[in-house]
Amino acid sequence: MLEKAIDLFNNGRQKEAYMEVSNALKFYFKGTAGINELTSEEILRSIRGSKVQGYLQDVKECFMLCNLVKFAKYEPNVQDFNLVVEYARRIID
């Protein structure tokens, strides 16, 4: 999913790329923590005290940037997108 997000971004579909990164994290948490169809904030509350607690700040930053693009008409840019992908890779790996 992260590779698909990178392809989307490189093909001018930046907003969709951020959404794909967010979806990749949600998919990851669904598979590892059994968290289904929750908002970003609900996921953050759910992972406190779990094995991914050490990545809580990365998860928070990743979702924040993705949500800014999705909901706040934040202008996507290469630097932020690369940061979002880096956060997601650290969490998923």
PDB file of N, CA and C in Angstrom:
ATOM      1  N   MET A   1       0.823  -1.197   0.000  1.00  0.00           N
ATOM      2  CA  MET A   1       0.000   0.000   0.000  1.00  0.00           C
ATOM      3  C   MET A   1       0.873   1.270   0.000  1.00  0.00           C
ATOM      4  N   LEU A   2       2.008   1.182   0.690  1.00  0.00           N
ATOM      5  CA  LEU A   2       2.896   2.345   0.703  1.00  0.00           C
ATOM      6  C   LEU A   2       3.504   2.596  -0.668  1.00  0.00           C
ATOM      7  N   GLU A   3       3.835   1.538  -1.359  1.00  0.00           N
ATOM      8  CA  GLU A   3       4.365   1.698  -2.719  1.00  0.00           C
ATOM      9  C   GLU A   3       3.304   2.293  -3.643  1.00  0.00           C
ATOM     10  N   LYS A   4       2.071   1.878  -3.468  1.00  0.00           N
ATOM     11  CA  LYS A   4       0.975   2.446  -4.264  1.00  0.00           C
ATOM     12  C   LYS A   4       0.845   3.933  -3.959  1.00  0.00           C
ATOM     13  N   ALA A   5       0.970   4.303  -2.680  1.00  0.00           N
ATOM     14  CA  ALA A   5       0.885   5.707  -2.291  1.00  0.00           C
ATOM     15  C   ALA A   5       1.990   6.522  -2.965  1.00  0.00           C
ATOM     16  N   ILE A   6       3.191   5.974  -2.997  1.00  0.00           N
ATOM     17  CA  ILE A   6       4.316   6.663  -3.635  1.00  0.00           C
ATOM     18  C   ILE A   6       4.036   6.852  -5.120  1.00  0.00           C
ATOM     19  N   ASP A   7       3.520   5.822  -5.762  1.00  0.00           N
ATOM     20  CA  ASP A   7       3.168   5.932  -7.189  1.00  0.00           C
ATOM     21  C   ASP A   7       2.101   6.994  -7.410  1.00  0.00           C
ATOM     22  N   LEU A   8       1.085   7.007  -6.554  1.00  0.00           N
ATOM     23  CA  LEU A   8       0.031   8.024  -6.674  1.00  0.00           C
ATOM     24  C   LEU A   8       0.624   9.422  -6.560  1.00  0.00           C
ATOM     25  N   PHE A   9       1.475   9.614  -5.561  1.00  0.00           N
ATOM     26  CA  PHE A   9       2.082  10.928  -5.362  1.00  0.00           C
ATOM     27  C   PHE A   9       2.900  11.341  -6.578  1.00  0.00           C
ATOM     28  N   ASN A  10       3.709  10.422  -7.076  1.00  0.00           N
ATOM     29  CA  ASN A  10       4.566  10.720  -8.223  1.00  0.00           C
ATOM     30  C   ASN A  10       3.781  10.965  -9.502  1.00  0.00           C
ATOM     31  N   ASN A  11       2.533  10.513  -9.530  1.00  0.00           N
ATOM     32  CA  ASN A  11       1.683  10.717 -10.707  1.00  0.00           C
ATOM     33  C   ASN A  11       0.679  11.855 -10.522  1.00  0.00           C
ATOM     34  N   GLY A  12       0.974  12.744  -9.583  1.00  0.00           N
ATOM     35  CA  GLY A  12       0.169  13.947  -9.417  1.00  0.00           C
ATOM     36  C   GLY A  12      -1.104  13.776  -8.613  1.00  0.00           C
ATOM     37  N   ARG A  13      -1.271  12.645  -7.966  1.00  0.00           N
ATOM     38  CA  ARG A  13      -2.484  12.401  -7.185  1.00  0.00           C
ATOM     39  C   ARG A  13      -2.129  12.437  -5.695  1.00  0.00           C
ATOM     40  N   GLN A  14      -1.649  13.617  -5.258  1.00  0.00           N
ATOM     41  CA  GLN A  14      -1.100  13.777  -3.917  1.00  0.00           C
ATOM     42  C   GLN A  14      -2.104  13.507  -2.800  1.00  0.00           C
ATOM     43  N   LYS A  15      -3.289  14.056  -2.910  1.00  0.00           N
ATOM     44  CA  LYS A  15      -4.281  13.853  -1.852  1.00  0.00           C
ATOM     45  C   LYS A  15      -4.595  12.363  -1.687  1.00  0.00           C
ATOM     46  N   GLU A  16      -4.768  11.674  -2.792  1.00  0.00           N
ATOM     47  CA  GLU A  16      -5.028  10.233  -2.733  1.00  0.00           C
ATOM     48  C   GLU A  16      -3.846   9.483  -2.137  1.00  0.00           C
ATOM     49  N   ALA A  17      -2.640   9.969  -2.384  1.00  0.00           N
ATOM     50  CA  ALA A  17      -1.440   9.326  -1.856  1.00  0.00           C
ATOM     51  C   ALA A  17      -1.418   9.399  -0.329  1.00  0.00           C
ATOM     52  N   TYR A  18      -1.724  10.558   0.213  1.00  0.00           N
ATOM     53  CA  TYR A  18      -1.779  10.707   1.677  1.00  0.00           C
ATOM     54  C   TYR A  18      -2.859   9.797   2.259  1.00  0.00           C
ATOM     55  N   MET A  19      -3.991   9.727   1.596  1.00  0.00           N
ATOM     56  CA  MET A  19      -5.076   8.870   2.078  1.00  0.00           C
ATOM     57  C   MET A  19      -4.656   7.406   2.056  1.00  0.00           C
ATOM     58  N   GLU A  20      -3.876   7.011   1.051  1.00  0.00           N
ATOM     59  CA  GLU A  20      -3.410   5.627   0.950  1.00  0.00           C
ATOM     60  C   GLU A  20      -2.444   5.289   2.092  1.00  0.00           C
ATOM     61  N   VAL A  21      -1.596   6.243   2.474  1.00  0.00           N
ATOM     62  CA  VAL A  21      -0.694   6.019   3.605  1.00  0.00           C
ATOM     63  C   VAL A  21      -1.517   5.850   4.885  1.00  0.00           C
ATOM     64  N   SER A  22      -2.496   6.706   5.076  1.00  0.00           N
ATOM     65  CA  SER A  22      -3.374   6.603   6.239  1.00  0.00           C
ATOM     66  C   SER A  22      -4.100   5.257   6.252  1.00  0.00           C
ATOM     67  N   ASN A  23      -4.586   4.849   5.099  1.00  0.00           N
ATOM     68  CA  ASN A  23      -5.272   3.548   4.999  1.00  0.00           C
ATOM     69  C   ASN A  23      -4.320   2.389   5.291  1.00  0.00           C
ATOM     70  N   ALA A  24      -3.061   2.516   4.885  1.00  0.00           N
ATOM     71  CA  ALA A  24      -2.076   1.466   5.158  1.00  0.00           C
ATOM     72  C   ALA A  24      -1.885   1.302   6.662  1.00  0.00           C
ATOM     73  N   LEU A  25      -1.803   2.419   7.380  1.00  0.00           N
ATOM     74  CA  LEU A  25      -1.666   2.335   8.835  1.00  0.00           C
ATOM     75  C   LEU A  25      -2.912   1.729   9.468  1.00  0.00           C
ATOM     76  N   LYS A  26      -4.067   2.147   9.015  1.00  0.00           N
ATOM     77  CA  LYS A  26      -5.307   1.595   9.573  1.00  0.00           C
ATOM     78  C   LYS A  26      -5.401   0.094   9.291  1.00  0.00           C
ATOM     79  N   PHE A  27      -4.988  -0.319   8.104  1.00  0.00           N
ATOM     80  CA  PHE A  27      -4.968  -1.737   7.754  1.00  0.00           C
ATOM     81  C   PHE A  27      -3.998  -2.493   8.655  1.00  0.00           C
ATOM     82  N   TYR A  28      -2.835  -1.903   8.899  1.00  0.00           N
ATOM     83  CA  TYR A  28      -1.839  -2.508   9.778  1.00  0.00           C
ATOM     84  C   TYR A  28      -2.416  -2.707  11.183  1.00  0.00           C
ATOM     85  N   PHE A  29      -3.040  -1.689  11.728  1.00  0.00           N
ATOM     86  CA  PHE A  29      -3.591  -1.803  13.080  1.00  0.00           C
ATOM     87  C   PHE A  29      -4.769  -2.769  13.134  1.00  0.00           C
ATOM     88  N   LYS A  30      -5.504  -2.870  12.053  1.00  0.00           N
ATOM     89  CA  LYS A  30      -6.586  -3.846  11.994  1.00  0.00           C
ATOM     90  C   LYS A  30      -6.023  -5.258  12.105  1.00  0.00           C
ATOM     91  N   GLY A  31      -4.918  -5.512  11.398  1.00  0.00           N
ATOM     92  CA  GLY A  31      -4.320  -6.842  11.401  1.00  0.00           C
ATOM     93  C   GLY A  31      -3.557  -7.175  12.661  1.00  0.00           C
ATOM     94  N   THR A  32      -2.903  -6.199  13.265  1.00  0.00           N
ATOM     95  CA  THR A  32      -2.057  -6.481  14.424  1.00  0.00           C
ATOM     96  C   THR A  32      -2.748  -6.262  15.758  1.00  0.00           C
ATOM     97  N   ALA A  33      -3.665  -5.321  15.792  1.00  0.00           N
ATOM     98  CA  ALA A  33      -4.294  -4.985  17.071  1.00  0.00           C
ATOM     99  C   ALA A  33      -5.804  -5.193  17.056  1.00  0.00           C
ATOM    100  N   GLY A  34      -6.338  -5.656  15.934  1.00  0.00           N
ATOM    101  CA  GLY A  34      -7.773  -5.894  15.847  1.00  0.00           C
ATOM    102  C   GLY A  34      -8.603  -4.627  15.898  1.00  0.00           C
ATOM    103  N   ILE A  35      -8.014  -3.503  15.511  1.00  0.00           N
ATOM    104  CA  ILE A  35      -8.715  -2.217  15.536  1.00  0.00           C
ATOM    105  C   ILE A  35      -9.430  -2.052  14.198  1.00  0.00           C
ATOM    106  N   ASN A  36     -10.751  -1.980  14.246  1.00  0.00           N
ATOM    107  CA  ASN A  36     -11.555  -1.893  13.021  1.00  0.00           C
ATOM    108  C   ASN A  36     -12.219  -0.540  12.876  1.00  0.00           C
ATOM    109  N   GLU A  37     -12.095   0.033  11.683  1.00  0.00           N
ATOM    110  CA  GLU A  37     -12.874   1.199  11.267  1.00  0.00           C
ATOM    111  C   GLU A  37     -13.006   2.275  12.328  1.00  0.00           C
ATOM    112  N   LEU A  38     -11.885   2.730  12.853  1.00  0.00           N
ATOM    113  CA  LEU A  38     -11.896   3.804  13.825  1.00  0.00           C
ATOM    114  C   LEU A  38     -11.285   5.055  13.212  1.00  0.00           C
ATOM    115  N   THR A  39     -11.601   6.187  13.821  1.00  0.00           N
ATOM    116  CA  THR A  39     -10.963   7.420  13.391  1.00  0.00           C
ATOM    117  C   THR A  39      -9.514   7.419  13.858  1.00  0.00           C
ATOM    118  N   SER A  40      -8.738   8.345  13.377  1.00  0.00           N
ATOM    119  CA  SER A  40      -7.339   8.453  13.780  1.00  0.00           C
ATOM    120  C   SER A  40      -7.215   8.619  15.286  1.00  0.00           C
ATOM    121  N   GLU A  41      -8.038   9.473  15.864  1.00  0.00           N
ATOM    122  CA  GLU A  41      -7.990   9.699  17.317  1.00  0.00           C
ATOM    123  C   GLU A  41      -8.359   8.439  18.090  1.00  0.00           C
ATOM    124  N   GLU A  42      -9.329   7.690  17.618  1.00  0.00           N
ATOM    125  CA  GLU A  42      -9.719   6.446  18.297  1.00  0.00           C
ATOM    126  C   GLU A  42      -8.592   5.417  18.221  1.00  0.00           C
ATOM    127  N   ILE A  43      -7.900   5.379  17.108  1.00  0.00           N
ATOM    128  CA  ILE A  43      -6.763   4.463  16.981  1.00  0.00           C
ATOM    129  C   ILE A  43      -5.670   4.864  17.958  1.00  0.00           C
ATOM    130  N   LEU A  44      -5.372   6.152  18.050  1.00  0.00           N
ATOM    131  CA  LEU A  44      -4.351   6.620  18.988  1.00  0.00           C
ATOM    132  C   LEU A  44      -4.695   6.231  20.424  1.00  0.00           C
ATOM    133  N   ARG A  45      -5.951   6.398  20.806  1.00  0.00           N
ATOM    134  CA  ARG A  45      -6.360   5.996  22.166  1.00  0.00           C
ATOM    135  C   ARG A  45      -6.233   4.486  22.347  1.00  0.00           C
ATOM    136  N   SER A  46      -6.552   3.730  21.321  1.00  0.00           N
ATOM    137  CA  SER A  46      -6.528   2.272  21.411  1.00  0.00           C
ATOM    138  C   SER A  46      -5.124   1.700  21.534  1.00  0.00           C
ATOM    139  N   ILE A  47      -4.127   2.373  20.950  1.00  0.00           N
ATOM    140  CA  ILE A  47      -2.780   1.805  20.978  1.00  0.00           C
ATOM    141  C   ILE A  47      -1.973   2.229  22.196  1.00  0.00           C
ATOM    142  N   ARG A  48      -2.484   3.163  22.974  1.00  0.00           N
ATOM    143  CA  ARG A  48      -1.776   3.525  24.213  1.00  0.00           C
ATOM    144  C   ARG A  48      -1.686   2.286  25.087  1.00  0.00           C
ATOM    145  N   GLY A  49      -0.482   1.987  25.545  1.00  0.00           N
ATOM    146  CA  GLY A  49      -0.273   0.825  26.389  1.00  0.00           C
ATOM    147  C   GLY A  49      -0.086  -0.467  25.631  1.00  0.00           C
ATOM    148  N   SER A  50      -0.134  -0.424  24.304  1.00  0.00           N
ATOM    149  CA  SER A  50       0.059  -1.631  23.503  1.00  0.00           C
ATOM    150  C   SER A  50       1.530  -1.750  23.100  1.00  0.00           C
ATOM    151  N   LYS A  51       1.841  -2.785  22.333  1.00  0.00           N
ATOM    152  CA  LYS A  51       3.223  -3.011  21.915  1.00  0.00           C
ATOM    153  C   LYS A  51       3.743  -1.918  20.987  1.00  0.00           C
ATOM    154  N   VAL A  52       2.877  -1.158  20.362  1.00  0.00           N
ATOM    155  CA  VAL A  52       3.315  -0.072  19.487  1.00  0.00           C
ATOM    156  C   VAL A  52       3.354   1.275  20.208  1.00  0.00           C
ATOM    157  N   GLN A  53       3.224   1.262  21.522  1.00  0.00           N
ATOM    158  CA  GLN A  53       3.258   2.476  22.334  1.00  0.00           C
ATOM    159  C   GLN A  53       4.486   3.330  21.997  1.00  0.00           C
ATOM    160  N   GLY A  54       5.623   2.687  21.740  1.00  0.00           N
ATOM    161  CA  GLY A  54       6.851   3.415  21.426  1.00  0.00           C
ATOM    162  C   GLY A  54       6.766   4.226  20.145  1.00  0.00           C
ATOM    163  N   TYR A  55       5.819   3.906  19.300  1.00  0.00           N
ATOM    164  CA  TYR A  55       5.646   4.618  18.036  1.00  0.00           C
ATOM    165  C   TYR A  55       4.458   5.572  18.068  1.00  0.00           C
ATOM    166  N   LEU A  56       3.939   5.820  19.240  1.00  0.00           N
ATOM    167  CA  LEU A  56       2.739   6.651  19.369  1.00  0.00           C
ATOM    168  C   LEU A  56       2.924   8.025  18.718  1.00  0.00           C
ATOM    169  N   GLN A  57       4.071   8.650  18.940  1.00  0.00           N
ATOM    170  CA  GLN A  57       4.306   9.975  18.351  1.00  0.00           C
ATOM    171  C   GLN A  57       4.367   9.894  16.832  1.00  0.00           C
ATOM    172  N   ASP A  58       5.006   8.842  16.295  1.00  0.00           N
ATOM    173  CA  ASP A  58       5.049   8.667  14.839  1.00  0.00           C
ATOM    174  C   ASP A  58       3.647   8.490  14.268  1.00  0.00           C
ATOM    175  N   VAL A  59       2.835   7.673  14.937  1.00  0.00           N
ATOM    176  CA  VAL A  59       1.457   7.448  14.485  1.00  0.00           C
ATOM    177  C   VAL A  59       0.690   8.762  14.508  1.00  0.00           C
ATOM    178  N   LYS A  60       0.843   9.494  15.588  1.00  0.00           N
ATOM    179  CA  LYS A  60       0.141  10.776  15.732  1.00  0.00           C
ATOM    180  C   LYS A  60       0.544  11.755  14.628  1.00  0.00           C
ATOM    181  N   GLU A  61       1.851  11.894  14.390  1.00  0.00           N
ATOM    182  CA  GLU A  61       2.340  12.809  13.350  1.00  0.00           C
ATOM    183  C   GLU A  61       1.871  12.386  11.959  1.00  0.00           C
ATOM    184  N   CYS A  62       1.922  11.096  11.701  1.00  0.00           N
ATOM    185  CA  CYS A  62       1.520  10.583  10.391  1.00  0.00           C
ATOM    186  C   CYS A  62       0.040  10.881  10.132  1.00  0.00           C
ATOM    187  N   PHE A  63      -0.804  10.513  11.082  1.00  0.00           N
ATOM    188  CA  PHE A  63      -2.236  10.780  10.919  1.00  0.00           C
ATOM    189  C   PHE A  63      -2.518  12.276  10.834  1.00  0.00           C
ATOM    190  N   MET A  64      -1.801  13.097  11.624  1.00  0.00           N
ATOM    191  CA  MET A  64      -2.036  14.538  11.610  1.00  0.00           C
ATOM    192  C   MET A  64      -1.775  15.114  10.218  1.00  0.00           C
ATOM    193  N   LEU A  65      -0.631  14.753   9.628  1.00  0.00           N
ATOM    194  CA  LEU A  65      -0.318  15.273   8.299  1.00  0.00           C
ATOM    195  C   LEU A  65      -1.309  14.759   7.247  1.00  0.00           C
ATOM    196  N   CYS A  66      -1.648  13.489   7.322  1.00  0.00           N
ATOM    197  CA  CYS A  66      -2.620  12.930   6.370  1.00  0.00           C
ATOM    198  C   CYS A  66      -3.975  13.609   6.510  1.00  0.00           C
ATOM    199  N   ASN A  67      -4.402  13.833   7.742  1.00  0.00           N
ATOM    200  CA  ASN A  67      -5.697  14.478   7.971  1.00  0.00           C
ATOM    201  C   ASN A  67      -5.695  15.937   7.542  1.00  0.00           C
ATOM    202  N   LEU A  68      -4.552  16.630   7.698  1.00  0.00           N
ATOM    203  CA  LEU A  68      -4.476  18.008   7.220  1.00  0.00           C
ATOM    204  C   LEU A  68      -4.726  18.072   5.718  1.00  0.00           C
ATOM    205  N   VAL A  69      -4.133  17.158   4.989  1.00  0.00           N
ATOM    206  CA  VAL A  69      -4.330  17.120   3.533  1.00  0.00           C
ATOM    207  C   VAL A  69      -5.768  16.746   3.205  1.00  0.00           C
ATOM    208  N   LYS A  70      -6.290  15.772   3.934  1.00  0.00           N
ATOM    209  CA  LYS A  70      -7.634  15.264   3.639  1.00  0.00           C
ATOM    210  C   LYS A  70      -8.729  16.258   4.013  1.00  0.00           C
ATOM    211  N   PHE A  71      -8.615  16.900   5.183  1.00  0.00           N
ATOM    212  CA  PHE A  71      -9.723  17.698   5.693  1.00  0.00           C
ATOM    213  C   PHE A  71      -9.486  19.205   5.697  1.00  0.00           C
ATOM    214  N   ALA A  72      -8.254  19.657   5.721  1.00  0.00           N
ATOM    215  CA  ALA A  72      -7.999  21.081   5.934  1.00  0.00           C
ATOM    216  C   ALA A  72      -7.476  21.805   4.703  1.00  0.00           C
ATOM    217  N   LYS A  73      -7.536  21.148   3.580  1.00  0.00           N
ATOM    218  CA  LYS A  73      -7.056  21.741   2.341  1.00  0.00           C
ATOM    219  C   LYS A  73      -5.594  22.181   2.449  1.00  0.00           C
ATOM    220  N   TYR A  74      -4.840  21.424   3.255  1.00  0.00           N
ATOM    221  CA  TYR A  74      -3.397  21.638   3.379  1.00  0.00           C
ATOM    222  C   TYR A  74      -2.742  21.259   2.067  1.00  0.00           C
ATOM    223  N   GLU A  75      -1.824  22.066   1.598  1.00  0.00           N
ATOM    224  CA  GLU A  75      -1.167  21.818   0.314  1.00  0.00           C
ATOM    225  C   GLU A  75      -0.124  20.710   0.451  1.00  0.00           C
ATOM    226  N   PRO A  76      -0.360  19.564  -0.197  1.00  0.00           N
ATOM    227  CA  PRO A  76       0.605  18.471  -0.130  1.00  0.00           C
ATOM    228  C   PRO A  76       1.954  18.908  -0.692  1.00  0.00           C
ATOM    229  N   ASN A  77       3.028  18.380  -0.097  1.00  0.00           N
ATOM    230  CA  ASN A  77       4.354  18.677  -0.627  1.00  0.00           C
ATOM    231  C   ASN A  77       5.257  17.463  -0.449  1.00  0.00           C
ATOM    232  N   VAL A  78       6.320  17.425  -1.220  1.00  0.00           N
ATOM    233  CA  VAL A  78       7.211  16.265  -1.248  1.00  0.00           C
ATOM    234  C   VAL A  78       7.830  16.005   0.122  1.00  0.00           C
ATOM    235  N   GLN A  79       8.279  17.037   0.797  1.00  0.00           N
ATOM    236  CA  GLN A  79       8.941  16.867   2.085  1.00  0.00           C
ATOM    237  C   GLN A  79       8.014  16.217   3.103  1.00  0.00           C
ATOM    238  N   ASP A  80       6.804  16.733   3.241  1.00  0.00           N
ATOM    239  CA  ASP A  80       5.848  16.160   4.195  1.00  0.00           C
ATOM    240  C   ASP A  80       5.435  14.749   3.791  1.00  0.00           C
ATOM    241  N   PHE A  81       5.248  14.530   2.493  1.00  0.00           N
ATOM    242  CA  PHE A  81       4.854  13.197   2.057  1.00  0.00           C
ATOM    243  C   PHE A  81       5.946  12.177   2.374  1.00  0.00           C
ATOM    244  N   ASN A  82       7.198  12.527   2.103  1.00  0.00           N
ATOM    245  CA  ASN A  82       8.299  11.615   2.431  1.00  0.00           C
ATOM    246  C   ASN A  82       8.359  11.337   3.930  1.00  0.00           C
ATOM    247  N   LEU A  83       8.064  12.331   4.735  1.00  0.00           N
ATOM    248  CA  LEU A  83       8.032  12.156   6.179  1.00  0.00           C
ATOM    249  C   LEU A  83       6.912  11.204   6.592  1.00  0.00           C
ATOM    250  N   VAL A  84       5.755  11.353   5.992  1.00  0.00           N
ATOM    251  CA  VAL A  84       4.609  10.492   6.284  1.00  0.00           C
ATOM    252  C   VAL A  84       4.935   9.038   5.924  1.00  0.00           C
ATOM    253  N   VAL A  85       5.545   8.835   4.781  1.00  0.00           N
ATOM    254  CA  VAL A  85       5.916   7.479   4.362  1.00  0.00           C
ATOM    255  C   VAL A  85       6.963   6.905   5.315  1.00  0.00           C
ATOM    256  N   GLU A  86       7.918   7.732   5.737  1.00  0.00           N
ATOM    257  CA  GLU A  86       8.947   7.276   6.682  1.00  0.00           C
ATOM    258  C   GLU A  86       8.310   6.852   8.008  1.00  0.00           C
ATOM    259  N   TYR A  87       7.389   7.668   8.521  1.00  0.00           N
ATOM    260  CA  TYR A  87       6.682   7.308   9.755  1.00  0.00           C
ATOM    261  C   TYR A  87       5.974   5.965   9.586  1.00  0.00           C
ATOM    262  N   ALA A  88       5.241   5.829   8.498  1.00  0.00           N
ATOM    263  CA  ALA A  88       4.470   4.608   8.268  1.00  0.00           C
ATOM    264  C   ALA A  88       5.385   3.388   8.177  1.00  0.00           C
ATOM    265  N   ARG A  89       6.496   3.525   7.488  1.00  0.00           N
ATOM    266  CA  ARG A  89       7.430   2.395   7.379  1.00  0.00           C
ATOM    267  C   ARG A  89       7.996   2.007   8.739  1.00  0.00           C
ATOM    268  N   ARG A  90       8.360   2.992   9.552  1.00  0.00           N
ATOM    269  CA  ARG A  90       8.881   2.695  10.893  1.00  0.00           C
ATOM    270  C   ARG A  90       7.852   1.940  11.725  1.00  0.00           C
ATOM    271  N   ILE A  91       6.610   2.346  11.633  1.00  0.00           N
ATOM    272  CA  ILE A  91       5.539   1.730  12.421  1.00  0.00           C
ATOM    273  C   ILE A  91       5.276   0.319  11.923  1.00  0.00           C
ATOM    274  N   ILE A  92       5.141   0.158  10.637  1.00  0.00           N
ATOM    275  CA  ILE A  92       4.781  -1.121  10.052  1.00  0.00           C
ATOM    276  C   ILE A  92       5.926  -2.134  10.145  1.00  0.00           C
ATOM    277  N   ASP A  93       7.153  -1.656   9.963  1.00  0.00           N
ATOM    278  CA  ASP A  93       8.295  -2.563  10.055  1.00  0.00           C
ATOM    279  C   ASP A  93       8.546  -2.917  11.497  1.00  0.00           C
TER     280      ASP A  93
END
